[in-house]
PDB file of N, CA and C in Angstrom:
ATOM      1  N   UNK A   1       0.846  -1.169   0.000  1.00  0.00           N
ATOM      2  CA  UNK A   1       0.000   0.000   0.000  1.00  0.00           C
ATOM      3  C   UNK A   1       0.894   1.236   0.000  1.00  0.00           C
ATOM      4  N   UNK A   2       0.649   2.118  -0.903  1.00  0.00           N
ATOM      5  CA  UNK A   2       1.450   3.334  -1.007  1.00  0.00           C
ATOM      6  C   UNK A   2       0.988   4.370  -0.002  1.00  0.00           C
ATOM      7  N   UNK A   3       1.940   5.190   0.494  1.00  0.00           N
ATOM      8  CA  UNK A   3       1.525   6.261   1.397  1.00  0.00           C
ATOM      9  C   UNK A   3       0.700   7.286   0.643  1.00  0.00           C
ATOM     10  N   UNK A   4      -0.204   7.957   1.324  1.00  0.00           N
ATOM     11  CA  UNK A   4      -1.030   8.961   0.653  1.00  0.00           C
ATOM     12  C   UNK A   4      -0.177  10.130   0.188  1.00  0.00           C
ATOM     13  N   UNK A   5      -0.626  10.747  -0.869  1.00  0.00           N
ATOM     14  CA  UNK A   5       0.070  11.920  -1.387  1.00  0.00           C
ATOM     15  C   UNK A   5      -0.898  13.082  -1.433  1.00  0.00           C
ATOM     16  N   UNK A   6      -0.399  14.306  -1.292  1.00  0.00           N
ATOM     17  CA  UNK A   6      -1.297  15.464  -1.376  1.00  0.00           C
ATOM     18  C   UNK A   6      -1.990  15.511  -2.730  1.00  0.00           C
ATOM     19  N   UNK A   7      -3.211  16.048  -2.718  1.00  0.00           N
ATOM     20  CA  UNK A   7      -3.984  16.103  -3.956  1.00  0.00           C
ATOM     21  C   UNK A   7      -3.437  17.134  -4.932  1.00  0.00           C
ATOM     22  N   UNK A   8      -2.755  18.138  -4.439  1.00  0.00           N
ATOM     23  CA  UNK A   8      -2.152  19.120  -5.338  1.00  0.00           C
ATOM     24  C   UNK A   8      -0.778  19.473  -4.799  1.00  0.00           C
ATOM     25  N   UNK A   9       0.116  19.865  -5.653  1.00  0.00           N
ATOM     26  CA  UNK A   9       1.481  20.179  -5.258  1.00  0.00           C
ATOM     27  C   UNK A   9       1.599  21.583  -4.728  1.00  0.00           C
ATOM     28  N   UNK A  10       2.836  21.992  -4.453  1.00  0.00           N
ATOM     29  CA  UNK A  10       3.055  23.348  -3.975  1.00  0.00           C
ATOM     30  C   UNK A  10       2.722  24.368  -5.055  1.00  0.00           C
ATOM     31  N   UNK A  11       2.565  25.615  -4.674  1.00  0.00           N
ATOM     32  CA  UNK A  11       2.274  26.647  -5.674  1.00  0.00           C
ATOM     33  C   UNK A  11       3.362  26.651  -6.765  1.00  0.00           C
ATOM     34  N   UNK A  12       3.003  26.998  -8.000  1.00  0.00           N
ATOM     35  CA  UNK A  12       3.931  26.886  -9.122  1.00  0.00           C
ATOM     36  C   UNK A  12       5.207  27.731  -8.978  1.00  0.00           C
ATOM     37  N   UNK A  13       5.161  28.859  -8.316  1.00  0.00           N
ATOM     38  CA  UNK A  13       6.352  29.704  -8.229  1.00  0.00           C
ATOM     39  C   UNK A  13       7.116  29.500  -6.920  1.00  0.00           C
ATOM     40  N   UNK A  14       6.807  28.441  -6.156  1.00  0.00           N
ATOM     41  CA  UNK A  14       7.509  28.187  -4.908  1.00  0.00           C
ATOM     42  C   UNK A  14       8.791  27.422  -5.183  1.00  0.00           C
ATOM     43  N   UNK A  15       9.786  27.663  -4.381  1.00  0.00           N
ATOM     44  CA  UNK A  15      11.046  26.924  -4.481  1.00  0.00           C
ATOM     45  C   UNK A  15      11.212  26.117  -3.204  1.00  0.00           C
ATOM     46  N   UNK A  16      11.853  24.983  -3.345  1.00  0.00           N
ATOM     47  CA  UNK A  16      12.010  24.069  -2.217  1.00  0.00           C
ATOM     48  C   UNK A  16      13.453  24.075  -1.763  1.00  0.00           C
ATOM     49  N   UNK A  17      13.656  24.264  -0.455  1.00  0.00           N
ATOM     50  CA  UNK A  17      14.998  24.247   0.099  1.00  0.00           C
ATOM     51  C   UNK A  17      14.936  23.470   1.412  1.00  0.00           C
ATOM     52  N   UNK A  18      15.501  22.283   1.440  1.00  0.00           N
ATOM     53  CA  UNK A  18      15.443  21.445   2.630  1.00  0.00           C
ATOM     54  C   UNK A  18      14.018  21.005   2.895  1.00  0.00           C
ATOM     55  N   UNK A  19      13.451  21.392   4.018  1.00  0.00           N
ATOM     56  CA  UNK A  19      12.062  21.041   4.328  1.00  0.00           C
ATOM     57  C   UNK A  19      11.132  22.228   4.184  1.00  0.00           C
ATOM     58  N   UNK A  20      11.579  23.335   3.655  1.00  0.00           N
ATOM     59  CA  UNK A  20      10.791  24.559   3.680  1.00  0.00           C
ATOM     60  C   UNK A  20      10.541  25.057   2.261  1.00  0.00           C
ATOM     61  N   UNK A  21       9.279  25.428   1.985  1.00  0.00           N
ATOM     62  CA  UNK A  21       8.945  26.093   0.735  1.00  0.00           C
ATOM     63  C   UNK A  21       9.113  27.586   0.935  1.00  0.00           C
ATOM     64  N   UNK A  22       9.668  28.238  -0.043  1.00  0.00           N
ATOM     65  CA  UNK A  22       9.718  29.700   0.014  1.00  0.00           C
ATOM     66  C   UNK A  22       8.937  30.235  -1.169  1.00  0.00           C
ATOM     67  N   UNK A  23       8.550  31.444  -1.111  1.00  0.00           N
ATOM     68  CA  UNK A  23       7.708  32.017  -2.165  1.00  0.00           C
ATOM     69  C   UNK A  23       6.288  32.024  -1.691  1.00  0.00           C
ATOM     70  N   UNK A  24       5.363  31.543  -2.506  1.00  0.00           N
ATOM     71  CA  UNK A  24       3.947  31.491  -2.146  1.00  0.00           C
ATOM     72  C   UNK A  24       3.682  30.191  -1.382  1.00  0.00           C
ATOM     73  N   UNK A  25       3.911  30.209  -0.111  1.00  0.00           N
ATOM     74  CA  UNK A  25       3.727  29.009   0.692  1.00  0.00           C
ATOM     75  C   UNK A  25       2.252  28.799   1.008  1.00  0.00           C
ATOM     76  N   UNK A  26       1.896  27.535   1.201  1.00  0.00           N
ATOM     77  CA  UNK A  26       0.530  27.221   1.614  1.00  0.00           C
ATOM     78  C   UNK A  26       0.392  27.536   3.098  1.00  0.00           C
ATOM     79  N   UNK A  27      -0.679  28.193   3.458  1.00  0.00           N
ATOM     80  CA  UNK A  27      -0.918  28.525   4.857  1.00  0.00           C
ATOM     81  C   UNK A  27      -1.931  27.562   5.429  1.00  0.00           C
ATOM     82  N   UNK A  28      -2.155  27.661   6.728  1.00  0.00           N
ATOM     83  CA  UNK A  28      -3.124  26.774   7.363  1.00  0.00           C
ATOM     84  C   UNK A  28      -4.547  27.055   6.872  1.00  0.00           C
ATOM     85  N   UNK A  29      -4.778  28.262   6.325  1.00  0.00           N
ATOM     86  CA  UNK A  29      -6.107  28.593   5.800  1.00  0.00           C
ATOM     87  C   UNK A  29      -6.310  28.049   4.393  1.00  0.00           C
ATOM     88  N   UNK A  30      -5.225  27.670   3.726  1.00  0.00           N
ATOM     89  CA  UNK A  30      -5.288  27.189   2.351  1.00  0.00           C
ATOM     90  C   UNK A  30      -5.608  25.690   2.354  1.00  0.00           C
ATOM     91  N   UNK A  31      -6.836  25.324   2.043  1.00  0.00           N
ATOM     92  CA  UNK A  31      -7.265  23.937   2.063  1.00  0.00           C
ATOM     93  C   UNK A  31      -6.892  23.186   0.785  1.00  0.00           C
ATOM     94  N   UNK A  32      -6.334  23.842  -0.217  1.00  0.00           N
ATOM     95  CA  UNK A  32      -5.999  23.171  -1.460  1.00  0.00           C
ATOM     96  C   UNK A  32      -4.697  22.387  -1.361  1.00  0.00           C
ATOM     97  N   UNK A  33      -3.912  22.572  -0.310  1.00  0.00           N
ATOM     98  CA  UNK A  33      -2.629  21.895  -0.178  1.00  0.00           C
ATOM     99  C   UNK A  33      -2.481  21.318   1.228  1.00  0.00           C
ATOM    100  N   UNK A  34      -3.243  20.254   1.543  1.00  0.00           N
ATOM    101  CA  UNK A  34      -3.112  19.666   2.873  1.00  0.00           C
ATOM    102  C   UNK A  34      -1.772  18.946   2.996  1.00  0.00           C
ATOM    103  N   UNK A  35      -1.233  18.960   4.186  1.00  0.00           N
ATOM    104  CA  UNK A  35       0.053  18.299   4.402  1.00  0.00           C
ATOM    105  C   UNK A  35      -0.139  16.786   4.389  1.00  0.00           C
ATOM    106  N   UNK A  36       0.944  16.084   4.170  1.00  0.00           N
ATOM    107  CA  UNK A  36       0.914  14.626   4.190  1.00  0.00           C
ATOM    108  C   UNK A  36       0.482  14.130   5.572  1.00  0.00           C
ATOM    109  N   UNK A  37       0.941  14.803   6.597  1.00  0.00           N
ATOM    110  CA  UNK A  37       0.549  14.447   7.962  1.00  0.00           C
ATOM    111  C   UNK A  37      -0.969  14.574   8.137  1.00  0.00           C
ATOM    112  N   UNK A  38      -1.543  15.667   7.639  1.00  0.00           N
ATOM    113  CA  UNK A  38      -2.990  15.875   7.744  1.00  0.00           C
ATOM    114  C   UNK A  38      -3.741  14.770   7.010  1.00  0.00           C
ATOM    115  N   UNK A  39      -3.271  14.394   5.849  1.00  0.00           N
ATOM    116  CA  UNK A  39      -3.932  13.348   5.063  1.00  0.00           C
ATOM    117  C   UNK A  39      -3.870  12.017   5.798  1.00  0.00           C
ATOM    118  N   UNK A  40      -2.711  11.699   6.354  1.00  0.00           N
ATOM    119  CA  UNK A  40      -2.563  10.431   7.064  1.00  0.00           C
ATOM    120  C   UNK A  40      -3.408  10.404   8.339  1.00  0.00           C
ATOM    121  N   UNK A  41      -3.500  11.526   9.040  1.00  0.00           N
ATOM    122  CA  UNK A  41      -4.333  11.592  10.239  1.00  0.00           C
ATOM    123  C   UNK A  41      -5.806  11.410   9.877  1.00  0.00           C
ATOM    124  N   UNK A  42      -6.219  11.994   8.789  1.00  0.00           N
ATOM    125  CA  UNK A  42      -7.610  11.870   8.350  1.00  0.00           C
ATOM    126  C   UNK A  42      -7.922  10.422   7.966  1.00  0.00           C
ATOM    127  N   UNK A  43      -6.999   9.773   7.247  1.00  0.00           N
ATOM    128  CA  UNK A  43      -7.210   8.379   6.869  1.00  0.00           C
ATOM    129  C   UNK A  43      -7.235   7.470   8.089  1.00  0.00           C
ATOM    130  N   UNK A  44      -6.388   7.741   9.070  1.00  0.00           N
ATOM    131  CA  UNK A  44      -6.376   6.950  10.295  1.00  0.00           C
ATOM    132  C   UNK A  44      -7.703   7.092  11.033  1.00  0.00           C
ATOM    133  N   UNK A  45      -8.202   8.314  11.143  1.00  0.00           N
ATOM    134  CA  UNK A  45      -9.482   8.547  11.815  1.00  0.00           C
ATOM    135  C   UNK A  45     -10.622   7.837  11.083  1.00  0.00           C
ATOM    136  N   UNK A  46     -10.610   7.864   9.763  1.00  0.00           N
ATOM    137  CA  UNK A  46     -11.646   7.189   8.985  1.00  0.00           C
ATOM    138  C   UNK A  46     -11.561   5.677   9.170  1.00  0.00           C
ATOM    139  N   UNK A  47     -10.343   5.129   9.201  1.00  0.00           N
ATOM    140  CA  UNK A  47     -10.166   3.692   9.396  1.00  0.00           C
ATOM    141  C   UNK A  47     -10.676   3.259  10.764  1.00  0.00           C
ATOM    142  N   UNK A  48     -10.344   4.023  11.807  1.00  0.00           N
ATOM    143  CA  UNK A  48     -10.838   3.710  13.144  1.00  0.00           C
ATOM    144  C   UNK A  48     -12.349   3.841  13.205  1.00  0.00           C
ATOM    145  N   UNK A  49     -12.905   4.810  12.501  1.00  0.00           N
ATOM    146  CA  UNK A  49     -14.351   4.980  12.483  1.00  0.00           C
ATOM    147  C   UNK A  49     -15.064   3.761  11.924  1.00  0.00           C
ATOM    148  N   UNK A  50     -14.439   3.081  10.965  1.00  0.00           N
ATOM    149  CA  UNK A  50     -15.045   1.904  10.342  1.00  0.00           C
ATOM    150  C   UNK A  50     -15.060   0.694  11.279  1.00  0.00           C
ATOM    151  N   UNK A  51     -14.072   0.573  12.154  1.00  0.00           N
ATOM    152  CA  UNK A  51     -13.985  -0.616  13.006  1.00  0.00           C
ATOM    153  C   UNK A  51     -14.318  -0.349  14.474  1.00  0.00           C
ATOM    154  N   UNK A  52     -14.597   0.881  14.827  1.00  0.00           N
ATOM    155  CA  UNK A  52     -14.825   1.242  16.230  1.00  0.00           C
ATOM    156  C   UNK A  52     -15.973   0.443  16.863  1.00  0.00           C
ATOM    157  N   UNK A  53     -17.095   0.327  16.193  1.00  0.00           N
ATOM    158  CA  UNK A  53     -18.252  -0.373  16.758  1.00  0.00           C
ATOM    159  C   UNK A  53     -17.956  -1.847  16.978  1.00  0.00           C
ATOM    160  N   UNK A  54     -17.304  -2.498  16.007  1.00  0.00           N
ATOM    161  CA  UNK A  54     -17.002  -3.918  16.186  1.00  0.00           C
ATOM    162  C   UNK A  54     -15.966  -4.130  17.283  1.00  0.00           C
ATOM    163  N   UNK A  55     -15.000  -3.224  17.434  1.00  0.00           N
ATOM    164  CA  UNK A  55     -14.012  -3.331  18.509  1.00  0.00           C
ATOM    165  C   UNK A  55     -14.697  -3.193  19.870  1.00  0.00           C
ATOM    166  N   UNK A  56     -15.641  -2.294  19.994  1.00  0.00           N
ATOM    167  CA  UNK A  56     -16.374  -2.114  21.242  1.00  0.00           C
ATOM    168  C   UNK A  56     -17.178  -3.362  21.581  1.00  0.00           C
ATOM    169  N   UNK A  57     -17.848  -3.940  20.588  1.00  0.00           N
ATOM    170  CA  UNK A  57     -18.629  -5.159  20.819  1.00  0.00           C
ATOM    171  C   UNK A  57     -17.730  -6.308  21.275  1.00  0.00           C
ATOM    172  N   UNK A  58     -16.576  -6.449  20.667  1.00  0.00           N
ATOM    173  CA  UNK A  58     -15.637  -7.506  21.046  1.00  0.00           C
ATOM    174  C   UNK A  58     -15.163  -7.299  22.482  1.00  0.00           C
ATOM    175  N   UNK A  59     -14.848  -6.055  22.839  1.00  0.00           N
ATOM    176  CA  UNK A  59     -14.391  -5.767  24.200  1.00  0.00           C
ATOM    177  C   UNK A  59     -15.473  -6.084  25.226  1.00  0.00           C
ATOM    178  N   UNK A  60     -16.715  -5.745  24.925  1.00  0.00           N
ATOM    179  CA  UNK A  60     -17.816  -6.021  25.854  1.00  0.00           C
ATOM    180  C   UNK A  60     -18.063  -7.522  25.960  1.00  0.00           C
ATOM    181  N   UNK A  61     -18.051  -8.237  24.820  1.00  0.00           N
ATOM    182  CA  UNK A  61     -18.271  -9.674  24.831  1.00  0.00           C
ATOM    183  C   UNK A  61     -17.186 -10.409  25.609  1.00  0.00           C
ATOM    184  N   UNK A  62     -15.959  -9.930  25.569  1.00  0.00           N
ATOM    185  CA  UNK A  62     -14.871 -10.616  26.264  1.00  0.00           C
ATOM    186  C   UNK A  62     -14.968 -10.455  27.777  1.00  0.00           C
ATOM    187  N   UNK A  63     -15.771  -9.509  28.246  1.00  0.00           N
ATOM    188  CA  UNK A  63     -15.944  -9.300  29.685  1.00  0.00           C
ATOM    189  C   UNK A  63     -17.009 -10.211  30.283  1.00  0.00           C
ATOM    190  N   UNK A  64     -17.910 -10.712  29.477  1.00  0.00           N
ATOM    191  CA  UNK A  64     -19.024 -11.509  29.989  1.00  0.00           C
ATOM    192  C   UNK A  64     -18.670 -12.987  30.040  1.00  0.00           C
ATOM    193  N   UNK A  65     -19.266 -13.684  30.995  1.00  0.00           N
ATOM    194  CA  UNK A  65     -19.104 -15.128  31.085  1.00  0.00           C
ATOM    195  C   UNK A  65     -20.120 -15.772  30.138  1.00  0.00           C
ATOM    196  N   UNK A  66     -19.668 -16.693  29.298  1.00  0.00           N
ATOM    197  CA  UNK A  66     -20.611 -17.351  28.384  1.00  0.00           C
ATOM    198  C   UNK A  66     -21.678 -18.133  29.158  1.00  0.00           C
ATOM    199  N   UNK A  67     -22.897 -18.060  28.713  1.00  0.00           N
ATOM    200  CA  UNK A  67     -23.994 -18.775  29.353  1.00  0.00           C
ATOM    201  C   UNK A  67     -23.807 -20.273  29.110  1.00  0.00           C
ATOM    202  N   UNK A  68     -23.944 -21.062  30.173  1.00  0.00           N
ATOM    203  CA  UNK A  68     -23.802 -22.512  30.060  1.00  0.00           C
ATOM    204  C   UNK A  68     -22.357 -22.995  30.095  1.00  0.00           C
ATOM    205  N   UNK A  69     -21.426 -22.144  30.452  1.00  0.00           N
ATOM    206  CA  UNK A  69     -20.006 -22.515  30.523  1.00  0.00           C
ATOM    207  C   UNK A  69     -19.789 -23.545  31.632  1.00  0.00           C
ATOM    208  N   UNK A  70     -19.021 -24.601  31.334  1.00  0.00           N
ATOM    209  CA  UNK A  70     -18.709 -25.628  32.326  1.00  0.00           C
ATOM    210  C   UNK A  70     -17.431 -25.261  33.066  1.00  0.00           C
ATOM    211  N   UNK A  71     -17.299 -25.792  34.264  1.00  0.00           N
ATOM    212  CA  UNK A  71     -16.149 -25.535  35.118  1.00  0.00           C
ATOM    213  C   UNK A  71     -14.861 -26.011  34.436  1.00  0.00           C
ATOM    214  N   UNK A  72     -13.827 -25.226  34.552  1.00  0.00           N
ATOM    215  CA  UNK A  72     -12.526 -25.527  33.954  1.00  0.00           C
ATOM    216  C   UNK A  72     -11.896 -26.775  34.574  1.00  0.00           C
ATOM    217  N   UNK A  73     -12.087 -26.991  35.874  1.00  0.00           N
ATOM    218  CA  UNK A  73     -11.432 -28.110  36.545  1.00  0.00           C
ATOM    219  C   UNK A  73     -12.247 -29.395  36.487  1.00  0.00           C
ATOM    220  N   UNK A  74     -13.495 -29.380  36.928  1.00  0.00           N
ATOM    221  CA  UNK A  74     -14.278 -30.623  36.979  1.00  0.00           C
ATOM    222  C   UNK A  74     -14.995 -30.940  35.665  1.00  0.00           C
ATOM    223  N   UNK A  75     -15.191 -29.964  34.834  1.00  0.00           N
ATOM    224  CA  UNK A  75     -15.835 -30.117  33.513  1.00  0.00           C
ATOM    225  C   UNK A  75     -17.281 -30.623  33.599  1.00  0.00           C
ATOM    226  N   UNK A  76     -17.875 -30.600  34.802  1.00  0.00           N
ATOM    227  CA  UNK A  76     -19.236 -31.108  34.985  1.00  0.00           C
ATOM    228  C   UNK A  76     -20.186 -30.000  35.404  1.00  0.00           C
ATOM    229  N   UNK A  77     -19.858 -29.324  36.484  1.00  0.00           N
ATOM    230  CA  UNK A  77     -20.745 -28.299  37.042  1.00  0.00           C
ATOM    231  C   UNK A  77     -20.712 -27.038  36.178  1.00  0.00           C
ATOM    232  N   UNK A  78     -21.810 -26.286  36.273  1.00  0.00           N
ATOM    233  CA  UNK A  78     -21.880 -25.019  35.548  1.00  0.00           C
ATOM    234  C   UNK A  78     -21.020 -23.974  36.271  1.00  0.00           C
ATOM    235  N   UNK A  79     -20.227 -23.272  35.513  1.00  0.00           N
ATOM    236  CA  UNK A  79     -19.314 -22.277  36.076  1.00  0.00           C
ATOM    237  C   UNK A  79     -20.057 -20.995  36.403  1.00  0.00           C
ATOM    238  N   UNK A  80     -19.695 -20.391  37.535  1.00  0.00           N
ATOM    239  CA  UNK A  80     -20.255 -19.097  37.898  1.00  0.00           C
ATOM    240  C   UNK A  80     -19.211 -18.191  38.544  1.00  0.00           C
ATOM    241  N   UNK A  81     -17.978 -18.661  38.659  1.00  0.00           N
ATOM    242  CA  UNK A  81     -16.893 -17.897  39.262  1.00  0.00           C
ATOM    243  C   UNK A  81     -15.793 -17.674  38.233  1.00  0.00           C
ATOM    244  N   UNK A  82     -15.149 -16.524  38.351  1.00  0.00           N
ATOM    245  CA  UNK A  82     -13.987 -16.228  37.512  1.00  0.00           C
ATOM    246  C   UNK A  82     -12.989 -15.452  38.363  1.00  0.00           C
ATOM    247  N   UNK A  83     -11.717 -15.773  38.214  1.00  0.00           N
ATOM    248  CA  UNK A  83     -10.650 -15.049  38.904  1.00  0.00           C
ATOM    249  C   UNK A  83      -9.816 -14.337  37.848  1.00  0.00           C
ATOM    250  N   UNK A  84      -9.890 -13.015  37.814  1.00  0.00           N
ATOM    251  CA  UNK A  84      -9.144 -12.258  36.809  1.00  0.00           C
ATOM    252  C   UNK A  84      -7.644 -12.270  37.053  1.00  0.00           C
ATOM    253  N   UNK A  85      -7.215 -12.537  38.264  1.00  0.00           N
ATOM    254  CA  UNK A  85      -5.781 -12.609  38.535  1.00  0.00           C
ATOM    255  C   UNK A  85      -5.199 -13.877  37.932  1.00  0.00           C
ATOM    256  N   UNK A  86      -5.979 -14.952  37.897  1.00  0.00           N
ATOM    257  CA  UNK A  86      -5.492 -16.206  37.303  1.00  0.00           C
ATOM    258  C   UNK A  86      -5.598 -16.147  35.781  1.00  0.00           C
ATOM    259  N   UNK A  87      -6.787 -15.822  35.289  1.00  0.00           N
ATOM    260  CA  UNK A  87      -7.033 -15.737  33.851  1.00  0.00           C
ATOM    261  C   UNK A  87      -8.441 -15.189  33.646  1.00  0.00           C
ATOM    262  N   UNK A  88      -8.615 -14.387  32.621  1.00  0.00           N
ATOM    263  CA  UNK A  88      -9.940 -13.820  32.373  1.00  0.00           C
ATOM    264  C   UNK A  88     -10.836 -14.765  31.588  1.00  0.00           C
ATOM    265  N   UNK A  89     -10.311 -15.900  31.144  1.00  0.00           N
ATOM    266  CA  UNK A  89     -11.111 -16.828  30.348  1.00  0.00           C
ATOM    267  C   UNK A  89     -11.266 -18.197  31.007  1.00  0.00           C
ATOM    268  N   UNK A  90     -10.865 -18.329  32.264  1.00  0.00           N
ATOM    269  CA  UNK A  90     -11.020 -19.582  32.997  1.00  0.00           C
ATOM    270  C   UNK A  90     -12.142 -19.395  34.008  1.00  0.00           C
ATOM    271  N   UNK A  91     -13.134 -20.275  33.921  1.00  0.00           N
ATOM    272  CA  UNK A  91     -14.319 -20.178  34.763  1.00  0.00           C
ATOM    273  C   UNK A  91     -14.425 -21.413  35.652  1.00  0.00           C
ATOM    274  N   UNK A  92     -14.890 -21.232  36.888  1.00  0.00           N
ATOM    275  CA  UNK A  92     -14.963 -22.306  37.870  1.00  0.00           C
ATOM    276  C   UNK A  92     -16.363 -22.424  38.445  1.00  0.00           C
ATOM    277  N   UNK A  93     -16.675 -23.625  38.940  1.00  0.00           N
ATOM    278  CA  UNK A  93     -17.850 -23.787  39.789  1.00  0.00           C
ATOM    279  C   UNK A  93     -17.423 -23.346  41.191  1.00  0.00           C
ATOM    280  N   UNK A  94     -18.349 -23.083  42.115  1.00  0.00           N
ATOM    281  CA  UNK A  94     -17.967 -22.607  43.452  1.00  0.00           C
ATOM    282  C   UNK A  94     -17.018 -23.552  44.195  1.00  0.00           C
ATOM    283  N   UNK A  95     -17.253 -24.865  44.095  1.00  0.00           N
ATOM    284  CA  UNK A  95     -16.414 -25.830  44.805  1.00  0.00           C
ATOM    285  C   UNK A  95     -14.985 -25.832  44.258  1.00  0.00           C
ATOM    286  N   UNK A  96     -14.832 -25.843  42.948  1.00  0.00           N
ATOM    287  CA  UNK A  96     -13.490 -25.877  42.353  1.00  0.00           C
ATOM    288  C   UNK A  96     -12.758 -24.557  42.572  1.00  0.00           C
ATOM    289  N   UNK A  97     -13.484 -23.449  42.570  1.00  0.00           N
ATOM    290  CA  UNK A  97     -12.831 -22.171  42.852  1.00  0.00           C
ATOM    291  C   UNK A  97     -12.257 -22.171  44.263  1.00  0.00           C
ATOM    292  N   UNK A  98     -13.051 -22.655  45.240  1.00  0.00           N
ATOM    293  CA  UNK A  98     -12.577 -22.720  46.618  1.00  0.00           C
ATOM    294  C   UNK A  98     -11.361 -23.625  46.731  1.00  0.00           C
ATOM    295  N   UNK A  99     -11.398 -24.768  46.052  1.00  0.00           N
ATOM    296  CA  UNK A  99     -10.270 -25.702  46.089  1.00  0.00           C
ATOM    297  C   UNK A  99      -9.020 -25.076  45.475  1.00  0.00           C
ATOM    298  N   UNK A 100      -9.172 -24.437  44.339  1.00  0.00           N
ATOM    299  CA  UNK A 100      -8.022 -23.860  43.632  1.00  0.00           C
ATOM    300  C   UNK A 100      -7.447 -22.648  44.347  1.00  0.00           C
ATOM    301  N   UNK A 101      -8.241 -21.973  45.158  1.00  0.00           N
ATOM    302  CA  UNK A 101      -7.792 -20.740  45.791  1.00  0.00           C
ATOM    303  C   UNK A 101      -7.671 -20.834  47.320  1.00  0.00           C
ATOM    304  N   UNK A 102      -7.814 -22.024  47.890  1.00  0.00           N
ATOM    305  CA  UNK A 102      -7.805 -22.140  49.347  1.00  0.00           C
ATOM    306  C   UNK A 102      -6.416 -22.050  49.966  1.00  0.00           C
ATOM    307  N   UNK A 103      -5.372 -22.446  49.251  1.00  0.00           N
ATOM    308  CA  UNK A 103      -4.037 -22.459  49.853  1.00  0.00           C
ATOM    309  C   UNK A 103      -3.040 -21.533  49.161  1.00  0.00           C
ATOM    310  N   UNK A 104      -3.076 -21.466  47.840  1.00  0.00           N
ATOM    311  CA  UNK A 104      -2.029 -20.715  47.135  1.00  0.00           C
ATOM    312  C   UNK A 104      -2.449 -19.321  46.686  1.00  0.00           C
ATOM    313  N   UNK A 105      -3.693 -19.131  46.402  1.00  0.00           N
ATOM    314  CA  UNK A 105      -4.156 -17.840  45.875  1.00  0.00           C
ATOM    315  C   UNK A 105      -5.166 -17.201  46.822  1.00  0.00           C
ATOM    316  N   UNK A 106      -4.793 -17.064  48.059  1.00  0.00           N
ATOM    317  CA  UNK A 106      -5.716 -16.593  49.091  1.00  0.00           C
ATOM    318  C   UNK A 106      -6.225 -15.174  48.858  1.00  0.00           C
ATOM    319  N   UNK A 107      -5.424 -14.325  48.246  1.00  0.00           N
ATOM    320  CA  UNK A 107      -5.801 -12.924  48.107  1.00  0.00           C
ATOM    321  C   UNK A 107      -6.451 -12.605  46.764  1.00  0.00           C
ATOM    322  N   UNK A 108      -6.717 -13.619  45.953  1.00  0.00           N
ATOM    323  CA  UNK A 108      -7.426 -13.390  44.698  1.00  0.00           C
ATOM    324  C   UNK A 108      -8.906 -13.182  44.997  1.00  0.00           C
ATOM    325  N   UNK A 109      -9.505 -12.308  44.240  1.00  0.00           N
ATOM    326  CA  UNK A 109     -10.912 -11.967  44.456  1.00  0.00           C
ATOM    327  C   UNK A 109     -11.753 -12.581  43.343  1.00  0.00           C
ATOM    328  N   UNK A 110     -12.834 -13.207  43.715  1.00  0.00           N
ATOM    329  CA  UNK A 110     -13.692 -13.881  42.737  1.00  0.00           C
ATOM    330  C   UNK A 110     -14.718 -12.936  42.147  1.00  0.00           C
ATOM    331  N   UNK A 111     -14.973 -13.109  40.871  1.00  0.00           N
ATOM    332  CA  UNK A 111     -16.152 -12.514  40.243  1.00  0.00           C
ATOM    333  C   UNK A 111     -17.204 -13.610  40.239  1.00  0.00           C
ATOM    334  N   UNK A 112     -18.367 -13.295  40.722  1.00  0.00           N
ATOM    335  CA  UNK A 112     -19.434 -14.291  40.797  1.00  0.00           C
ATOM    336  C   UNK A 112     -20.549 -13.858  39.853  1.00  0.00           C
ATOM    337  N   UNK A 113     -20.887 -14.729  38.919  1.00  0.00           N
ATOM    338  CA  UNK A 113     -21.908 -14.426  37.924  1.00  0.00           C
ATOM    339  C   UNK A 113     -23.148 -15.258  38.233  1.00  0.00           C
ATOM    340  N   UNK A 114     -24.304 -14.615  38.122  1.00  0.00           N
ATOM    341  CA  UNK A 114     -25.578 -15.295  38.322  1.00  0.00           C
ATOM    342  C   UNK A 114     -26.395 -15.167  37.044  1.00  0.00           C
ATOM    343  N   UNK A 115     -26.841 -16.293  36.527  1.00  0.00           N
ATOM    344  CA  UNK A 115     -27.623 -16.275  35.290  1.00  0.00           C
ATOM    345  C   UNK A 115     -29.095 -16.260  35.648  1.00  0.00           C
ATOM    346  N   UNK A 116     -29.797 -15.224  35.185  1.00  0.00           N
ATOM    347  CA  UNK A 116     -31.244 -15.151  35.390  1.00  0.00           C
ATOM    348  C   UNK A 116     -31.918 -15.474  34.067  1.00  0.00           C
ATOM    349  N   UNK A 117     -33.220 -15.354  34.012  1.00  0.00           N
ATOM    350  CA  UNK A 117     -33.943 -15.730  32.804  1.00  0.00           C
ATOM    351  C   UNK A 117     -33.660 -14.809  31.632  1.00  0.00           C
ATOM    352  N   UNK A 118     -33.396 -13.537  31.893  1.00  0.00           N
ATOM    353  CA  UNK A 118     -33.226 -12.626  30.777  1.00  0.00           C
ATOM    354  C   UNK A 118     -31.914 -11.857  30.814  1.00  0.00           C
ATOM    355  N   UNK A 119     -31.144 -12.016  31.882  1.00  0.00           N
ATOM    356  CA  UNK A 119     -29.971 -11.159  32.017  1.00  0.00           C
ATOM    357  C   UNK A 119     -28.909 -11.847  32.854  1.00  0.00           C
ATOM    358  N   UNK A 120     -27.675 -11.720  32.431  1.00  0.00           N
ATOM    359  CA  UNK A 120     -26.567 -12.202  33.237  1.00  0.00           C
ATOM    360  C   UNK A 120     -26.069 -11.033  34.049  1.00  0.00           C
ATOM    361  N   UNK A 121     -26.088 -11.179  35.361  1.00  0.00           N
ATOM    362  CA  UNK A 121     -25.668 -10.081  36.226  1.00  0.00           C
ATOM    363  C   UNK A 121     -24.349 -10.417  36.878  1.00  0.00           C
ATOM    364  N   UNK A 122     -23.614  -9.415  37.249  1.00  0.00           N
ATOM    365  CA  UNK A 122     -22.272  -9.563  37.803  1.00  0.00           C
ATOM    366  C   UNK A 122     -22.253  -9.103  39.240  1.00  0.00           C
ATOM    367  N   UNK A 123     -21.724  -9.935  40.117  1.00  0.00           N
ATOM    368  CA  UNK A 123     -21.522  -9.583  41.512  1.00  0.00           C
ATOM    369  C   UNK A 123     -20.035  -9.593  41.794  1.00  0.00           C
ATOM    370  N   UNK A 124     -19.598  -8.685  42.626  1.00  0.00           N
ATOM    371  CA  UNK A 124     -18.181  -8.673  42.973  1.00  0.00           C
ATOM    372  C   UNK A 124     -18.035  -8.498  44.463  1.00  0.00           C
TER     373      UNK A 124
END
């Protein structure tokens, strides 16, 4: 992918010396000669605008516990606990969480999720 280029060049009677145009230079009020930096910033903002909503949805989905998730350790009971210090994607049933955190991870704090009929709520 090529870097963006200005839509129009410098004024015809301008001379270039190092990084500076002399003569009829483009001013900040002159919209016919946007800088390369301005063009790249505009393209970056447009690109982020296209993916912003999907990025937000992904971030929100990654915070919730999946409904019907089974315990990481016993693989039988339904999980309702999560320890963010251990991992944000490992879910435990109450018994396995107590077992895993009773001796070595005493100061970890559990997130407890309760599934209701229409809404998953978070307790801390």
